Amino acid sequence: MSRVVAIIIVVLVTVIDGCSWQMAGVNMTSGERLFRSNCRSCHTLPNPKSQTDSDWVSLVKRYGSQIDLVPEVQAKIIAYLQRVN
C-alpha cells in the first residue's frame, strides 16, 4: 500500500512541477527560457545582475560554445541577461 502512495506522490509532484513551469513560462521571453533550460543543465542559475553586460557576452560565448549552443541561441540568452541586468 505504501508503495502505491509513493508512486501517486511522485506522479503528482511531476505533474504539478510541469504545470508550474508552463504557467511560469507564459510570461518568459525566449531568452529567459533558453537561459533557464541551458544554463541550469550544468550549474545553478546565477543572478543576472551578478555580471556586467560585457562579462555576460564573454561567459555565454565561452560556455555556450562548450555545450554547442548555436550563435542565435547565445544571442537570445545574452540579450535577456543584459536586459535584466
N, C-alpha and C. Protein backbone atom coordinates (compact mmCIF):
# COMPACT_ATOMS: atom_id res chain seq x y z
N MET A 1 0.81 -1.20 0.00
CA MET A 1 0.00 0.00 0.00
C MET A 1 0.86 1.26 0.00
N SER A 2 1.93 1.28 0.81
CA SER A 2 2.78 2.46 0.88
C SER A 2 3.51 2.70 -0.45
N ARG A 3 3.75 1.64 -1.19
CA ARG A 3 4.39 1.79 -2.50
C ARG A 3 3.45 2.51 -3.47
N VAL A 4 2.18 2.19 -3.42
CA VAL A 4 1.18 2.85 -4.26
C VAL A 4 1.10 4.33 -3.91
N VAL A 5 1.10 4.64 -2.64
CA VAL A 5 1.05 6.04 -2.19
C VAL A 5 2.29 6.78 -2.68
N ALA A 6 3.45 6.15 -2.58
CA ALA A 6 4.69 6.77 -3.03
C ALA A 6 4.64 7.05 -4.53
N ILE A 7 4.13 6.13 -5.30
CA ILE A 7 4.02 6.31 -6.75
C ILE A 7 3.07 7.46 -7.06
N ILE A 8 1.95 7.51 -6.37
CA ILE A 8 0.98 8.59 -6.58
C ILE A 8 1.61 9.94 -6.26
N ILE A 9 2.36 10.01 -5.18
CA ILE A 9 3.02 11.27 -4.80
C ILE A 9 4.01 11.70 -5.87
N VAL A 10 4.81 10.76 -6.36
CA VAL A 10 5.79 11.08 -7.39
C VAL A 10 5.09 11.60 -8.65
N VAL A 11 4.02 10.95 -9.05
CA VAL A 11 3.28 11.38 -10.23
C VAL A 11 2.69 12.77 -10.03
N LEU A 12 2.09 13.01 -8.88
CA LEU A 12 1.51 14.32 -8.60
C LEU A 12 2.55 15.42 -8.59
N VAL A 13 3.69 15.16 -7.96
CA VAL A 13 4.75 16.17 -7.92
C VAL A 13 5.25 16.47 -9.32
N THR A 14 5.40 15.44 -10.13
CA THR A 14 5.86 15.62 -11.51
C THR A 14 4.86 16.45 -12.31
N VAL A 15 3.59 16.14 -12.18
CA VAL A 15 2.55 16.88 -12.91
C VAL A 15 2.49 18.32 -12.44
N ILE A 16 2.49 18.52 -11.14
CA ILE A 16 2.42 19.88 -10.60
C ILE A 16 3.63 20.69 -11.00
N ASP A 17 4.82 20.09 -10.94
CA ASP A 17 6.04 20.80 -11.33
C ASP A 17 5.98 21.17 -12.81
N GLY A 18 5.52 20.27 -13.64
CA GLY A 18 5.40 20.57 -15.07
C GLY A 18 4.42 21.69 -15.34
N CYS A 19 3.31 21.69 -14.61
CA CYS A 19 2.31 22.75 -14.78
C CYS A 19 2.85 24.10 -14.33
N SER A 20 3.54 24.12 -13.21
CA SER A 20 4.06 25.39 -12.72
C SER A 20 5.11 25.94 -13.67
N TRP A 21 5.92 25.07 -14.28
CA TRP A 21 6.92 25.53 -15.25
C TRP A 21 6.22 26.14 -16.45
N GLN A 22 5.17 25.49 -16.93
CA GLN A 22 4.45 26.02 -18.08
C GLN A 22 3.76 27.33 -17.72
N MET A 23 3.17 27.39 -16.55
CA MET A 23 2.50 28.60 -16.14
C MET A 23 3.50 29.74 -15.97
N ALA A 24 4.64 29.43 -15.37
CA ALA A 24 5.68 30.46 -15.20
C ALA A 24 6.23 30.88 -16.55
N GLY A 25 6.29 29.94 -17.50
CA GLY A 25 6.85 30.22 -18.80
C GLY A 25 6.00 31.11 -19.68
N VAL A 26 4.75 31.32 -19.31
CA VAL A 26 3.86 32.13 -20.13
C VAL A 26 4.42 33.54 -20.31
N ASN A 27 4.99 34.10 -19.25
CA ASN A 27 5.49 35.46 -19.32
C ASN A 27 6.98 35.55 -19.60
N MET A 28 7.64 34.43 -19.84
CA MET A 28 9.07 34.44 -20.09
C MET A 28 9.37 34.75 -21.56
N THR A 29 10.44 35.48 -21.77
CA THR A 29 10.92 35.67 -23.14
C THR A 29 11.64 34.39 -23.57
N SER A 30 11.87 34.26 -24.85
CA SER A 30 12.59 33.07 -25.31
C SER A 30 14.00 33.06 -24.75
N GLY A 31 14.61 34.25 -24.57
CA GLY A 31 15.94 34.32 -23.99
C GLY A 31 15.97 33.82 -22.56
N GLU A 32 14.95 34.16 -21.78
CA GLU A 32 14.90 33.68 -20.40
C GLU A 32 14.69 32.17 -20.37
N ARG A 33 13.80 31.66 -21.21
CA ARG A 33 13.58 30.21 -21.25
C ARG A 33 14.87 29.49 -21.64
N LEU A 34 15.58 30.03 -22.64
CA LEU A 34 16.83 29.40 -23.06
C LEU A 34 17.89 29.46 -21.96
N PHE A 35 17.97 30.59 -21.29
CA PHE A 35 18.90 30.75 -20.18
C PHE A 35 18.60 29.71 -19.10
N ARG A 36 17.35 29.62 -18.70
CA ARG A 36 16.97 28.69 -17.63
C ARG A 36 17.20 27.24 -18.02
N SER A 37 16.84 26.87 -19.23
CA SER A 37 16.96 25.46 -19.61
C SER A 37 18.39 25.05 -19.92
N ASN A 38 19.16 25.91 -20.58
CA ASN A 38 20.52 25.52 -20.96
C ASN A 38 21.52 25.71 -19.83
N CYS A 39 21.47 26.82 -19.14
CA CYS A 39 22.48 27.10 -18.12
C CYS A 39 22.27 26.23 -16.88
N ARG A 40 21.02 25.90 -16.60
CA ARG A 40 20.71 25.06 -15.44
C ARG A 40 21.22 23.63 -15.64
N SER A 41 21.46 23.23 -16.86
CA SER A 41 21.90 21.86 -17.10
C SER A 41 23.29 21.58 -16.52
N CYS A 42 24.09 22.63 -16.28
CA CYS A 42 25.45 22.44 -15.75
C CYS A 42 25.64 22.97 -14.33
N HIS A 43 24.85 23.96 -13.93
CA HIS A 43 25.06 24.58 -12.61
C HIS A 43 23.80 25.33 -12.18
N THR A 44 23.81 25.81 -10.96
CA THR A 44 22.68 26.62 -10.51
C THR A 44 22.70 27.94 -11.28
N LEU A 45 21.53 28.50 -11.46
CA LEU A 45 21.44 29.72 -12.25
C LEU A 45 22.01 30.91 -11.49
N PRO A 46 22.89 31.66 -12.14
CA PRO A 46 23.41 32.86 -11.50
C PRO A 46 22.40 34.00 -11.56
N ASN A 47 22.55 34.94 -10.69
CA ASN A 47 21.74 36.14 -10.72
C ASN A 47 22.18 36.96 -11.94
N PRO A 48 21.27 37.35 -12.81
CA PRO A 48 21.66 38.14 -13.99
C PRO A 48 22.40 39.43 -13.64
N LYS A 49 22.20 39.94 -12.44
CA LYS A 49 22.86 41.17 -12.02
C LYS A 49 24.27 40.93 -11.46
N SER A 50 24.69 39.66 -11.45
CA SER A 50 25.98 39.33 -10.86
C SER A 50 27.17 39.62 -11.77
N GLN A 51 26.91 39.92 -13.04
CA GLN A 51 27.98 40.20 -14.01
C GLN A 51 27.64 41.48 -14.77
N THR A 52 28.64 42.07 -15.39
CA THR A 52 28.40 43.22 -16.25
C THR A 52 27.89 42.72 -17.61
N ASP A 53 27.35 43.64 -18.41
CA ASP A 53 26.88 43.25 -19.74
C ASP A 53 27.98 42.62 -20.57
N SER A 54 29.17 43.20 -20.53
CA SER A 54 30.28 42.64 -21.33
C SER A 54 30.75 41.30 -20.78
N ASP A 55 30.69 41.13 -19.45
CA ASP A 55 31.04 39.83 -18.87
C ASP A 55 30.08 38.75 -19.36
N TRP A 56 28.78 39.08 -19.45
CA TRP A 56 27.81 38.09 -19.91
C TRP A 56 28.12 37.65 -21.34
N VAL A 57 28.51 38.58 -22.17
CA VAL A 57 28.84 38.23 -23.56
C VAL A 57 29.97 37.19 -23.55
N SER A 58 31.03 37.47 -22.81
CA SER A 58 32.18 36.54 -22.76
C SER A 58 31.79 35.19 -22.18
N LEU A 59 31.05 35.21 -21.08
CA LEU A 59 30.68 33.97 -20.40
C LEU A 59 29.76 33.10 -21.26
N VAL A 60 28.75 33.72 -21.83
CA VAL A 60 27.80 32.94 -22.64
C VAL A 60 28.49 32.37 -23.87
N LYS A 61 29.34 33.15 -24.50
CA LYS A 61 30.05 32.64 -25.68
C LYS A 61 31.00 31.51 -25.30
N ARG A 62 31.73 31.68 -24.20
CA ARG A 62 32.68 30.65 -23.79
C ARG A 62 31.97 29.34 -23.44
N TYR A 63 31.00 29.43 -22.53
CA TYR A 63 30.35 28.21 -22.07
C TYR A 63 29.30 27.71 -23.06
N GLY A 64 28.69 28.62 -23.80
CA GLY A 64 27.75 28.20 -24.83
C GLY A 64 28.43 27.38 -25.91
N SER A 65 29.64 27.77 -26.26
CA SER A 65 30.39 27.01 -27.26
C SER A 65 30.74 25.61 -26.76
N GLN A 66 31.00 25.51 -25.46
CA GLN A 66 31.34 24.21 -24.89
C GLN A 66 30.18 23.23 -24.94
N ILE A 67 28.95 23.75 -24.91
CA ILE A 67 27.80 22.84 -24.98
C ILE A 67 27.09 22.94 -26.34
N ASP A 68 27.80 23.49 -27.32
CA ASP A 68 27.33 23.55 -28.71
C ASP A 68 26.04 24.36 -28.89
N LEU A 69 25.90 25.46 -28.16
CA LEU A 69 24.78 26.36 -28.40
C LEU A 69 25.06 27.15 -29.68
N VAL A 70 24.10 27.17 -30.57
CA VAL A 70 24.29 27.92 -31.81
C VAL A 70 24.31 29.41 -31.49
N PRO A 71 24.96 30.21 -32.34
CA PRO A 71 25.08 31.65 -32.08
C PRO A 71 23.74 32.35 -31.84
N GLU A 72 22.68 31.92 -32.53
CA GLU A 72 21.37 32.55 -32.36
C GLU A 72 20.85 32.36 -30.93
N VAL A 73 21.06 31.17 -30.38
CA VAL A 73 20.63 30.89 -29.00
C VAL A 73 21.48 31.69 -28.03
N GLN A 74 22.77 31.72 -28.27
CA GLN A 74 23.65 32.52 -27.41
C GLN A 74 23.22 33.99 -27.41
N ALA A 75 22.88 34.52 -28.57
CA ALA A 75 22.47 35.92 -28.69
C ALA A 75 21.19 36.20 -27.90
N LYS A 76 20.24 35.26 -27.93
CA LYS A 76 19.00 35.44 -27.18
C LYS A 76 19.26 35.41 -25.68
N ILE A 77 20.14 34.53 -25.24
CA ILE A 77 20.48 34.46 -23.82
C ILE A 77 21.18 35.74 -23.39
N ILE A 78 22.14 36.20 -24.18
CA ILE A 78 22.87 37.44 -23.87
C ILE A 78 21.90 38.62 -23.81
N ALA A 79 21.00 38.71 -24.77
CA ALA A 79 20.03 39.82 -24.79
C ALA A 79 19.17 39.81 -23.53
N TYR A 80 18.73 38.63 -23.12
CA TYR A 80 17.93 38.53 -21.90
C TYR A 80 18.75 38.99 -20.68
N LEU A 81 19.95 38.47 -20.54
CA LEU A 81 20.79 38.81 -19.38
C LEU A 81 21.09 40.30 -19.32
N GLN A 82 21.37 40.89 -20.46
CA GLN A 82 21.67 42.33 -20.50
C GLN A 82 20.42 43.16 -20.25
N ARG A 83 19.27 42.70 -20.67
CA ARG A 83 18.04 43.45 -20.46
C ARG A 83 17.66 43.50 -18.99
N VAL A 84 17.88 42.40 -18.26
CA VAL A 84 17.50 42.37 -16.85
C VAL A 84 18.64 42.78 -15.92
N ASN A 85 19.80 43.04 -16.48
CA ASN A 85 20.97 43.41 -15.67
C ASN A 85 20.84 44.84 -15.15
